[in-house]
N, C-alpha and C. Protein backbone atom coordinates (compact mmCIF):
# COMPACT_ATOMS: atom_id res chain seq x y z
N MET A 1 -25.28 18.04 12.59
CA MET A 1 -24.28 16.86 12.93
C MET A 1 -23.64 17.17 14.23
N LYS A 2 -23.53 16.14 15.20
CA LYS A 2 -22.90 16.55 16.40
C LYS A 2 -21.50 15.84 16.22
N LEU A 3 -20.43 16.85 16.36
CA LEU A 3 -19.21 16.18 16.13
C LEU A 3 -18.52 15.50 17.09
N TYR A 4 -19.03 15.79 18.48
CA TYR A 4 -18.51 14.93 19.69
C TYR A 4 -18.90 13.37 19.53
N ASN A 5 -19.58 12.94 18.83
CA ASN A 5 -20.20 11.64 18.74
C ASN A 5 -19.63 11.00 17.33
N TRP A 6 -18.88 11.96 16.37
CA TRP A 6 -18.28 11.37 15.26
C TRP A 6 -17.53 10.42 15.32
N LYS A 7 -17.50 9.60 14.43
CA LYS A 7 -16.40 8.38 14.68
C LYS A 7 -15.90 8.21 13.14
N PRO A 8 -14.66 7.67 12.97
CA PRO A 8 -14.15 7.61 11.44
C PRO A 8 -14.51 6.38 10.63
N THR A 9 -15.66 6.20 10.72
CA THR A 9 -16.15 4.99 10.14
C THR A 9 -16.28 5.30 8.59
N ALA A 10 -16.10 4.21 7.80
CA ALA A 10 -16.36 4.44 6.15
C ALA A 10 -17.55 5.10 5.69
N GLU A 11 -18.61 4.85 6.49
CA GLU A 11 -20.03 5.75 6.03
C GLU A 11 -19.69 7.09 6.47
N ASN A 12 -19.10 7.46 7.44
CA ASN A 12 -19.04 8.81 7.98
C ASN A 12 -18.07 9.64 7.12
N ILE A 13 -16.88 8.92 6.74
CA ILE A 13 -15.55 9.50 5.71
C ILE A 13 -16.38 9.76 4.43
N ASN A 14 -17.05 8.74 3.89
CA ASN A 14 -17.55 9.00 2.66
C ASN A 14 -18.71 10.09 2.59
N ASN A 15 -19.28 10.29 3.83
CA ASN A 15 -20.25 11.52 3.88
C ASN A 15 -19.52 12.77 3.88
N LEU A 16 -18.21 12.95 4.16
CA LEU A 16 -17.68 14.06 3.97
C LEU A 16 -17.53 14.80 2.50
N PRO A 17 -17.07 16.04 2.61
CA PRO A 17 -16.91 16.66 1.36
C PRO A 17 -15.81 16.00 0.37
N GLU A 18 -15.68 15.96 -0.69
CA GLU A 18 -14.78 15.29 -1.68
C GLU A 18 -13.50 15.90 -1.19
N LYS A 19 -13.09 17.19 -1.21
CA LYS A 19 -11.80 17.71 -0.97
C LYS A 19 -11.31 17.17 0.58
N ILE A 20 -12.16 17.11 1.42
CA ILE A 20 -11.79 16.62 2.79
C ILE A 20 -11.31 15.00 2.71
N ARG A 21 -12.40 14.09 1.94
CA ARG A 21 -12.08 12.79 1.57
C ARG A 21 -10.57 12.73 1.15
N ASP A 22 -10.37 13.46 -0.08
CA ASP A 22 -9.19 13.31 -0.90
C ASP A 22 -7.83 13.45 0.16
N TYR A 23 -7.99 14.37 1.12
CA TYR A 23 -6.98 15.10 2.15
C TYR A 23 -6.91 13.94 3.14
N ILE A 24 -7.94 12.96 3.57
CA ILE A 24 -7.65 11.89 4.43
C ILE A 24 -7.01 10.88 3.56
N LYS A 25 -7.45 10.64 2.27
CA LYS A 25 -6.76 9.62 1.43
C LYS A 25 -5.15 9.95 1.38
N GLU A 26 -5.08 11.31 0.93
CA GLU A 26 -3.65 11.52 0.89
C GLU A 26 -2.72 11.41 2.09
N LEU A 27 -3.38 11.72 3.36
CA LEU A 27 -2.58 11.57 4.62
C LEU A 27 -2.28 10.15 4.65
N GLY A 28 -3.14 9.19 4.61
CA GLY A 28 -2.89 7.72 4.57
C GLY A 28 -1.77 7.35 3.71
N THR A 29 -1.74 7.94 2.48
CA THR A 29 -0.84 7.35 1.53
C THR A 29 0.47 7.88 1.74
N THR A 30 0.55 9.14 2.31
CA THR A 30 2.08 9.91 2.48
C THR A 30 2.41 9.39 3.97
N SER A 31 1.62 9.02 4.67
CA SER A 31 2.09 8.71 5.95
C SER A 31 2.48 7.06 6.26
N ASP A 32 2.21 6.24 5.40
CA ASP A 32 2.23 5.06 5.19
C ASP A 32 2.26 4.43 4.04
N PRO A 33 3.26 4.96 3.01
CA PRO A 33 3.05 4.65 1.54
C PRO A 33 3.57 3.20 1.11
N ALA A 34 3.88 2.27 2.03
CA ALA A 34 4.27 0.88 1.86
C ALA A 34 3.14 0.03 2.33
N GLY A 35 2.40 0.70 3.13
CA GLY A 35 1.33 0.06 3.75
C GLY A 35 1.78 -0.83 4.81
N ILE A 36 2.84 -0.70 5.57
CA ILE A 36 3.36 -1.19 6.48
C ILE A 36 2.61 -1.06 8.05
N ILE A 37 2.05 0.01 8.27
CA ILE A 37 1.35 0.13 9.45
C ILE A 37 0.01 -0.63 9.20
N GLN A 38 -0.64 -0.63 8.17
CA GLN A 38 -1.94 -1.19 7.92
C GLN A 38 -1.58 -2.72 7.87
N ASP A 39 -0.46 -3.27 7.36
CA ASP A 39 -0.04 -4.54 7.49
C ASP A 39 0.13 -4.99 9.02
N ASN A 40 0.73 -4.17 9.67
CA ASN A 40 0.93 -4.52 10.91
C ASN A 40 -0.34 -4.71 11.69
N ALA A 41 -1.16 -3.82 11.93
CA ALA A 41 -2.51 -3.90 12.30
C ALA A 41 -3.10 -5.32 12.02
N CYS A 42 -3.33 -5.60 10.62
CA CYS A 42 -3.85 -6.79 10.12
C CYS A 42 -2.97 -8.15 10.99
N LEU A 43 -1.53 -8.01 10.79
CA LEU A 43 -1.06 -9.08 11.62
C LEU A 43 -1.28 -9.14 13.09
N LEU A 44 -1.51 -8.18 13.93
CA LEU A 44 -1.70 -7.88 15.08
C LEU A 44 -3.00 -8.50 15.42
N GLU A 45 -4.04 -8.30 14.51
CA GLU A 45 -5.44 -8.89 14.57
C GLU A 45 -5.27 -10.40 14.30
N ASN A 46 -4.28 -10.94 13.45
CA ASN A 46 -4.15 -12.47 13.35
C ASN A 46 -3.71 -12.91 14.45
N VAL A 47 -2.58 -12.32 15.23
CA VAL A 47 -2.13 -13.05 16.10
C VAL A 47 -2.97 -12.96 17.26
N LYS A 48 -3.86 -12.16 17.47
CA LYS A 48 -4.83 -12.16 18.41
C LYS A 48 -5.84 -13.38 18.30
N ALA A 49 -6.16 -13.41 17.07
CA ALA A 49 -7.16 -14.46 16.49
C ALA A 49 -6.51 -15.71 16.75
N LEU A 50 -5.27 -16.13 16.57
CA LEU A 50 -4.54 -17.28 16.56
C LEU A 50 -4.36 -17.80 18.04
N THR A 51 -4.00 -16.88 18.74
CA THR A 51 -3.89 -16.87 20.30
C THR A 51 -5.34 -17.29 21.03
N ARG A 52 -6.40 -16.78 20.45
CA ARG A 52 -7.53 -17.31 20.98
C ARG A 52 -7.73 -18.45 20.85
N LYS A 53 -7.44 -18.93 19.34
CA LYS A 53 -7.63 -20.32 18.84
C LYS A 53 -6.65 -21.31 19.69
N CYS A 54 -5.56 -20.70 19.84
CA CYS A 54 -4.51 -21.71 20.64
C CYS A 54 -5.15 -22.18 22.12
N LYS A 55 -5.63 -20.97 22.69
CA LYS A 55 -6.19 -20.98 23.95
C LYS A 55 -7.36 -22.14 23.94
N ILE A 56 -8.33 -22.21 22.99
CA ILE A 56 -9.18 -23.14 22.83
C ILE A 56 -8.71 -24.56 22.70
N LEU A 57 -7.95 -24.78 21.82
CA LEU A 57 -7.30 -26.04 21.50
C LEU A 57 -6.57 -26.47 22.83
N LYS A 58 -5.92 -25.75 23.36
CA LYS A 58 -5.39 -26.17 24.86
C LYS A 58 -6.63 -26.86 25.81
N LEU A 59 -7.52 -26.01 25.84
CA LEU A 59 -8.66 -26.31 26.55
C LEU A 59 -9.29 -27.67 26.07
N ARG A 60 -9.41 -27.91 24.81
CA ARG A 60 -9.78 -29.27 24.18
C ARG A 60 -8.79 -30.40 24.78
N ILE A 61 -7.57 -30.07 24.49
CA ILE A 61 -6.63 -31.11 24.66
C ILE A 61 -6.91 -31.41 26.29
N ASP A 62 -7.05 -30.25 27.01
CA ASP A 62 -7.14 -30.95 28.69
C ASP A 62 -8.29 -31.50 28.95
N LEU A 63 -9.21 -31.26 28.25
CA LEU A 63 -10.58 -31.89 28.00
C LEU A 63 -10.47 -33.61 27.70
N MET A 64 -9.69 -33.50 26.68
CA MET A 64 -9.44 -34.87 25.91
C MET A 64 -8.71 -35.71 26.85
N SER A 65 -7.59 -34.99 27.64
CA SER A 65 -6.83 -36.03 28.49
C SER A 65 -7.24 -36.27 29.69
N PHE A 66 -8.45 -35.87 30.10
CA PHE A 66 -9.51 -36.26 31.10
C PHE A 66 -10.02 -37.70 30.73
N PHE A 67 -10.37 -37.97 29.63
CA PHE A 67 -11.04 -39.09 28.91
C PHE A 67 -10.16 -40.09 28.33
N VAL A 68 -8.92 -39.70 27.95
CA VAL A 68 -8.11 -40.52 27.28
C VAL A 68 -6.92 -41.23 28.16
N PRO A 69 -6.47 -42.51 28.27
CA PRO A 69 -5.47 -42.77 29.29
C PRO A 69 -4.14 -41.90 28.89
N ALA A 70 -3.43 -42.08 30.04
CA ALA A 70 -2.08 -41.47 29.89
C ALA A 70 -1.07 -41.60 28.82
N ASP A 71 -0.90 -42.95 28.50
CA ASP A 71 -0.10 -43.42 27.75
C ASP A 71 -0.41 -43.10 26.33
N LYS A 72 -1.90 -43.35 26.04
CA LYS A 72 -2.43 -42.68 24.80
C LYS A 72 -2.24 -41.28 24.56
N MET A 73 -2.29 -40.68 25.35
CA MET A 73 -2.37 -39.02 25.36
C MET A 73 -0.91 -38.69 25.14
N GLU A 74 -0.03 -39.34 25.87
CA GLU A 74 1.59 -39.01 25.30
C GLU A 74 1.64 -38.87 23.81
N LYS A 75 1.23 -40.40 23.45
CA LYS A 75 1.63 -40.70 21.83
C LYS A 75 0.92 -39.58 21.06
N ILE A 76 -0.36 -39.28 21.63
CA ILE A 76 -1.07 -38.07 20.75
C ILE A 76 0.01 -36.83 20.59
N GLU A 77 0.21 -36.34 21.73
CA GLU A 77 1.13 -35.12 22.00
C GLU A 77 2.45 -35.23 20.95
N LYS A 78 3.03 -36.46 21.16
CA LYS A 78 4.37 -36.61 20.45
C LYS A 78 4.07 -36.67 18.87
N ASP A 79 2.99 -37.21 18.69
CA ASP A 79 2.69 -37.17 17.24
C ASP A 79 2.17 -35.97 16.80
N ALA A 80 1.67 -35.00 17.51
CA ALA A 80 1.50 -33.66 17.21
C ALA A 80 2.64 -32.91 17.10
N GLU A 81 3.79 -33.05 18.08
CA GLU A 81 5.03 -32.25 17.87
C GLU A 81 5.65 -32.46 16.52
N LYS A 82 5.60 -33.77 16.26
CA LYS A 82 6.16 -34.20 14.87
C LYS A 82 5.82 -33.53 13.86
N ALA A 83 4.34 -33.57 13.86
CA ALA A 83 3.69 -32.95 12.65
C ALA A 83 3.88 -31.46 12.75
N GLN A 84 4.38 -30.86 13.64
CA GLN A 84 4.43 -29.36 13.72
C GLN A 84 6.09 -28.95 13.25
N THR A 85 6.96 -30.19 13.33
CA THR A 85 8.28 -29.79 12.96
C THR A 85 8.46 -29.49 11.62
N PRO A 86 9.14 -28.60 11.00
CA PRO A 86 9.42 -28.03 9.78
C PRO A 86 10.17 -29.23 9.18
N ARG A 87 9.94 -29.57 7.78
CA ARG A 87 10.45 -30.72 6.94
C ARG A 87 11.55 -30.07 6.25
């Protein structure tokens, strides 16, 4: 086993001796008992995904505005803003 290529994948960690696996699990539990770090990592991934989706939707709007008359596009944008406002 070449350690310089070793990465902490689930498969590699599961192949470690039991005591080392237990130690790694204990480290994760004691260093982030509430799971906040893990939650933040998941939230960061969600933000990145939503940002990408937002860019795609903005591009679609730009493309749509090319084909839709300006007055109708303004109405579409106003309706979209109303739909986003919390009730």
